Amino acid sequence: MTLCDTGPMVALIDEDDPKHLSCDETLEALGDDDLLTTWPSLTEALHLANRVGGYPAQRRIWQYISKGLIQLHRPGQDEWRKARELMRIYADAPMDFADASLVVVAELLRVRRIFTLDRHFRAYRINGQDYFDVVP
């Protein structure tokens, strides 16, 4: 399983994005590996997609979800507490809610690989110690 951050979702649907080709190649390289994202990351991606191409761009992201290319994590009742704590710890980065939600899921599901364009994930730690395996 690979976590999927906002940036690749937007870059995949925006052919003018400088990272489009890299993200497309990474998606191919991941093959049958399941991609998992969080509600905050999806919300952020839909917001950015709207800026890029309106509802048609948002619809393309929704298609990734509906076709199962990207699965959506259903948060547990207390995940927000851990996200809030991570945002406090990484306040100097700063860490936004979407990033915090992905770190929480990495800790809960013991997933190290993340598909992201965000350099902050090279600094974030899983359970305060493990590095992420960042792709591309």
C-alpha atoms as a PDB file:
ATOM      1  CA  MET A   1       0.000   0.000   0.000  1.00  0.00           C
ATOM      2  CA  THR A   2       1.129   3.539  -0.809  1.00  0.00           C
ATOM      3  CA  LEU A   3      -0.320   6.695   0.680  1.00  0.00           C
ATOM      4  CA  CYS A   4      -1.294   9.358  -1.857  1.00  0.00           C
ATOM      5  CA  ASP A   5      -0.926  13.040  -1.082  1.00  0.00           C
ATOM      6  CA  THR A   6      -2.704  15.969  -2.739  1.00  0.00           C
ATOM      7  CA  GLY A   7       0.023  16.996  -5.186  1.00  0.00           C
ATOM      8  CA  PRO A   8       0.084  13.839  -7.296  1.00  0.00           C
ATOM      9  CA  MET A   9      -3.717  13.736  -7.537  1.00  0.00           C
ATOM     10  CA  VAL A  10      -3.697  17.225  -9.033  1.00  0.00           C
ATOM     11  CA  ALA A  11      -0.606  16.696 -11.201  1.00  0.00           C
ATOM     12  CA  LEU A  12      -2.095  13.526 -12.687  1.00  0.00           C
ATOM     13  CA  ILE A  13      -5.172  15.349 -13.964  1.00  0.00           C
ATOM     14  CA  ASP A  14      -3.372  18.540 -15.067  1.00  0.00           C
ATOM     15  CA  GLU A  15      -1.283  17.872 -18.173  1.00  0.00           C
ATOM     16  CA  ASP A  16       0.195  21.385 -17.888  1.00  0.00           C
ATOM     17  CA  ASP A  17       1.556  20.668 -14.414  1.00  0.00           C
ATOM     18  CA  PRO A  18       5.376  20.435 -14.485  1.00  0.00           C
ATOM     19  CA  LYS A  19       5.155  17.223 -12.401  1.00  0.00           C
ATOM     20  CA  HIS A  20       2.475  15.568 -14.566  1.00  0.00           C
ATOM     21  CA  LEU A  21       4.831  13.252 -16.470  1.00  0.00           C
ATOM     22  CA  SER A  22       6.771  12.275 -13.339  1.00  0.00           C
ATOM     23  CA  CYS A  23       3.555  11.452 -11.494  1.00  0.00           C
ATOM     24  CA  ASP A  24       2.193   9.502 -14.450  1.00  0.00           C
ATOM     25  CA  GLU A  25       5.405   7.447 -14.596  1.00  0.00           C
ATOM     26  CA  THR A  26       5.316   6.876 -10.838  1.00  0.00           C
ATOM     27  CA  LEU A  27       1.717   5.696 -11.028  1.00  0.00           C
ATOM     28  CA  GLU A  28       2.725   3.207 -13.736  1.00  0.00           C
ATOM     29  CA  ALA A  29       5.715   2.028 -11.678  1.00  0.00           C
ATOM     30  CA  LEU A  30       3.518   1.449  -8.624  1.00  0.00           C
ATOM     31  CA  GLY A  31       1.494  -0.986 -10.725  1.00  0.00           C
ATOM     32  CA  ASP A  32      -1.075  -2.883  -8.697  1.00  0.00           C
ATOM     33  CA  ASP A  33      -0.017  -1.322  -5.405  1.00  0.00           C
ATOM     34  CA  ASP A  34      -3.071   0.116  -3.639  1.00  0.00           C
ATOM     35  CA  LEU A  35      -3.155   3.894  -3.258  1.00  0.00           C
ATOM     36  CA  LEU A  36      -4.799   5.314  -0.157  1.00  0.00           C
ATOM     37  CA  THR A  37      -5.631   8.917   0.614  1.00  0.00           C
ATOM     38  CA  THR A  38      -7.449  10.777   3.363  1.00  0.00           C
ATOM     39  CA  TRP A  39     -10.498  13.035   3.351  1.00  0.00           C
ATOM     40  CA  PRO A  40      -8.396  16.153   4.060  1.00  0.00           C
ATOM     41  CA  SER A  41      -6.048  15.332   1.153  1.00  0.00           C
ATOM     42  CA  LEU A  42      -8.984  14.674  -1.150  1.00  0.00           C
ATOM     43  CA  THR A  43     -10.617  17.943  -0.104  1.00  0.00           C
ATOM     44  CA  GLU A  44      -7.412  19.844  -0.810  1.00  0.00           C
ATOM     45  CA  ALA A  45      -6.991  18.109  -4.192  1.00  0.00           C
ATOM     46  CA  LEU A  46     -10.560  18.925  -5.223  1.00  0.00           C
ATOM     47  CA  HIS A  47     -10.045  22.556  -4.246  1.00  0.00           C
ATOM     48  CA  LEU A  48      -6.853  22.809  -6.310  1.00  0.00           C
ATOM     49  CA  ALA A  49      -8.387  20.894  -9.224  1.00  0.00           C
ATOM     50  CA  ASN A  50     -11.221  23.393  -9.303  1.00  0.00           C
ATOM     51  CA  ARG A  51      -8.666  26.181  -9.744  1.00  0.00           C
ATOM     52  CA  VAL A  52      -6.959  24.264 -12.562  1.00  0.00           C
ATOM     53  CA  GLY A  53      -9.982  23.226 -14.578  1.00  0.00           C
ATOM     54  CA  GLY A  54     -13.245  23.630 -12.711  1.00  0.00           C
ATOM     55  CA  TYR A  55     -15.652  20.770 -12.249  1.00  0.00           C
ATOM     56  CA  PRO A  56     -14.255  18.688 -15.167  1.00  0.00           C
ATOM     57  CA  ALA A  57     -10.903  18.549 -13.351  1.00  0.00           C
ATOM     58  CA  GLN A  58     -12.618  17.677 -10.075  1.00  0.00           C
ATOM     59  CA  ARG A  59     -14.598  14.959 -11.849  1.00  0.00           C
ATOM     60  CA  ARG A  60     -11.344  13.318 -12.980  1.00  0.00           C
ATOM     61  CA  ILE A  61     -10.187  13.072  -9.364  1.00  0.00           C
ATOM     62  CA  TRP A  62     -13.582  11.675  -8.341  1.00  0.00           C
ATOM     63  CA  GLN A  63     -13.142   9.040 -11.063  1.00  0.00           C
ATOM     64  CA  TYR A  64      -9.907   7.890  -9.409  1.00  0.00           C
ATOM     65  CA  ILE A  65     -11.937   7.302  -6.249  1.00  0.00           C
ATOM     66  CA  SER A  66     -14.988   5.731  -7.898  1.00  0.00           C
ATOM     67  CA  LYS A  67     -12.876   3.363 -10.002  1.00  0.00           C
ATOM     68  CA  GLY A  68     -10.838   2.329  -6.960  1.00  0.00           C
ATOM     69  CA  LEU A  69      -7.525   3.631  -8.298  1.00  0.00           C
ATOM     70  CA  ILE A  70      -7.286   5.656  -5.103  1.00  0.00           C
ATOM     71  CA  GLN A  71      -9.000   4.356  -1.992  1.00  0.00           C
ATOM     72  CA  LEU A  72     -10.326   6.688   0.670  1.00  0.00           C
ATOM     73  CA  HIS A  73      -9.394   6.076   4.306  1.00  0.00           C
ATOM     74  CA  ARG A  74     -12.289   6.248   6.737  1.00  0.00           C
ATOM     75  CA  PRO A  75     -10.986   8.025   9.798  1.00  0.00           C
ATOM     76  CA  GLY A  76     -11.463   6.662  13.275  1.00  0.00           C
ATOM     77  CA  GLN A  77     -13.126   8.722  15.970  1.00  0.00           C
ATOM     78  CA  ASP A  78      -9.913   9.956  17.594  1.00  0.00           C
ATOM     79  CA  GLU A  79      -7.600  10.411  14.603  1.00  0.00           C
ATOM     80  CA  TRP A  80      -8.143  14.172  14.703  1.00  0.00           C
ATOM     81  CA  ARG A  81      -6.489  14.300  18.129  1.00  0.00           C
ATOM     82  CA  LYS A  82      -3.284  12.740  16.804  1.00  0.00           C
ATOM     83  CA  ALA A  83      -3.406  15.040  13.744  1.00  0.00           C
ATOM     84  CA  ARG A  84      -3.744  18.076  16.015  1.00  0.00           C
ATOM     85  CA  GLU A  85      -0.758  16.920  18.068  1.00  0.00           C
ATOM     86  CA  LEU A  86       1.360  16.367  14.953  1.00  0.00           C
ATOM     87  CA  MET A  87       0.467  19.844  13.686  1.00  0.00           C
ATOM     88  CA  ARG A  88       1.700  21.250  17.003  1.00  0.00           C
ATOM     89  CA  ILE A  89       4.939  19.239  16.854  1.00  0.00           C
ATOM     90  CA  TYR A  90       5.650  20.264  13.254  1.00  0.00           C
ATOM     91  CA  ALA A  91       4.341  23.840  13.554  1.00  0.00           C
ATOM     92  CA  ASP A  92       7.659  25.185  12.269  1.00  0.00           C
ATOM     93  CA  ALA A  93       7.372  23.165   9.019  1.00  0.00           C
ATOM     94  CA  PRO A  94       4.397  24.025   8.988  1.00  0.00           C
ATOM     95  CA  MET A  95       2.285  20.875   8.795  1.00  0.00           C
ATOM     96  CA  ASP A  96      -1.218  21.287   7.405  1.00  0.00           C
ATOM     97  CA  PHE A  97      -4.208  19.085   8.253  1.00  0.00           C
ATOM     98  CA  ALA A  98      -3.934  17.052   5.033  1.00  0.00           C
ATOM     99  CA  ASP A  99      -0.294  16.171   5.770  1.00  0.00           C
ATOM    100  CA  ALA A 100      -1.094  15.385   9.403  1.00  0.00           C
ATOM    101  CA  SER A 101      -3.907  13.059   8.366  1.00  0.00           C
ATOM    102  CA  LEU A 102      -1.524  11.110   6.124  1.00  0.00           C
ATOM    103  CA  VAL A 103       1.065  10.753   8.902  1.00  0.00           C
ATOM    104  CA  VAL A 104      -1.677   9.499  11.248  1.00  0.00           C
ATOM    105  CA  VAL A 105      -2.733   6.866   8.708  1.00  0.00           C
ATOM    106  CA  ALA A 106       0.904   5.864   8.155  1.00  0.00           C
ATOM    107  CA  GLU A 107       1.216   5.254  11.883  1.00  0.00           C
ATOM    108  CA  LEU A 108      -2.073   3.383  12.195  1.00  0.00           C
ATOM    109  CA  LEU A 109      -1.588   1.134   9.166  1.00  0.00           C
ATOM    110  CA  ARG A 110       2.215   0.894   9.355  1.00  0.00           C
ATOM    111  CA  VAL A 111       2.664   2.273   5.851  1.00  0.00           C
ATOM    112  CA  ARG A 112       5.968   3.971   4.985  1.00  0.00           C
ATOM    113  CA  ARG A 113       5.654   4.708   1.285  1.00  0.00           C
ATOM    114  CA  ILE A 114       4.001   7.952   0.197  1.00  0.00           C
ATOM    115  CA  PHE A 115       3.335   9.317  -3.286  1.00  0.00           C
ATOM    116  CA  THR A 116       3.884  13.032  -2.766  1.00  0.00           C
ATOM    117  CA  LEU A 117       5.436  16.144  -4.244  1.00  0.00           C
ATOM    118  CA  ASP A 118       5.707  17.713  -0.795  1.00  0.00           C
ATOM    119  CA  ARG A 119       9.293  17.900   0.493  1.00  0.00           C
ATOM    120  CA  HIS A 120       8.007  18.087   4.078  1.00  0.00           C
ATOM    121  CA  PHE A 121       7.480  14.317   4.044  1.00  0.00           C
ATOM    122  CA  ARG A 122      11.256  13.922   4.030  1.00  0.00           C
ATOM    123  CA  ALA A 123      11.251  15.623   7.446  1.00  0.00           C
ATOM    124  CA  TYR A 124       8.112  14.101   8.974  1.00  0.00           C
ATOM    125  CA  ARG A 125       8.581  10.951  11.030  1.00  0.00           C
ATOM    126  CA  ILE A 126       6.258   7.998  11.489  1.00  0.00           C
ATOM    127  CA  ASN A 127       5.780   7.416  15.213  1.00  0.00           C
ATOM    128  CA  GLY A 128       8.440  10.057  15.754  1.00  0.00           C
ATOM    129  CA  GLN A 129      11.225   7.881  14.347  1.00  0.00           C
ATOM    130  CA  ASP A 130      10.750   6.187  10.961  1.00  0.00           C
ATOM    131  CA  TYR A 131      11.360   8.021   7.697  1.00  0.00           C
ATOM    132  CA  PHE A 132       8.869   7.938   4.870  1.00  0.00           C
ATOM    133  CA  ASP A 133       9.798   6.222   1.626  1.00  0.00           C
ATOM    134  CA  VAL A 134       8.907   9.124  -0.706  1.00  0.00           C
ATOM    135  CA  VAL A 135       8.002   8.529  -4.354  1.00  0.00           C
ATOM    136  CA  PRO A 136       8.631   9.861  -6.964  1.00  0.00           C
END
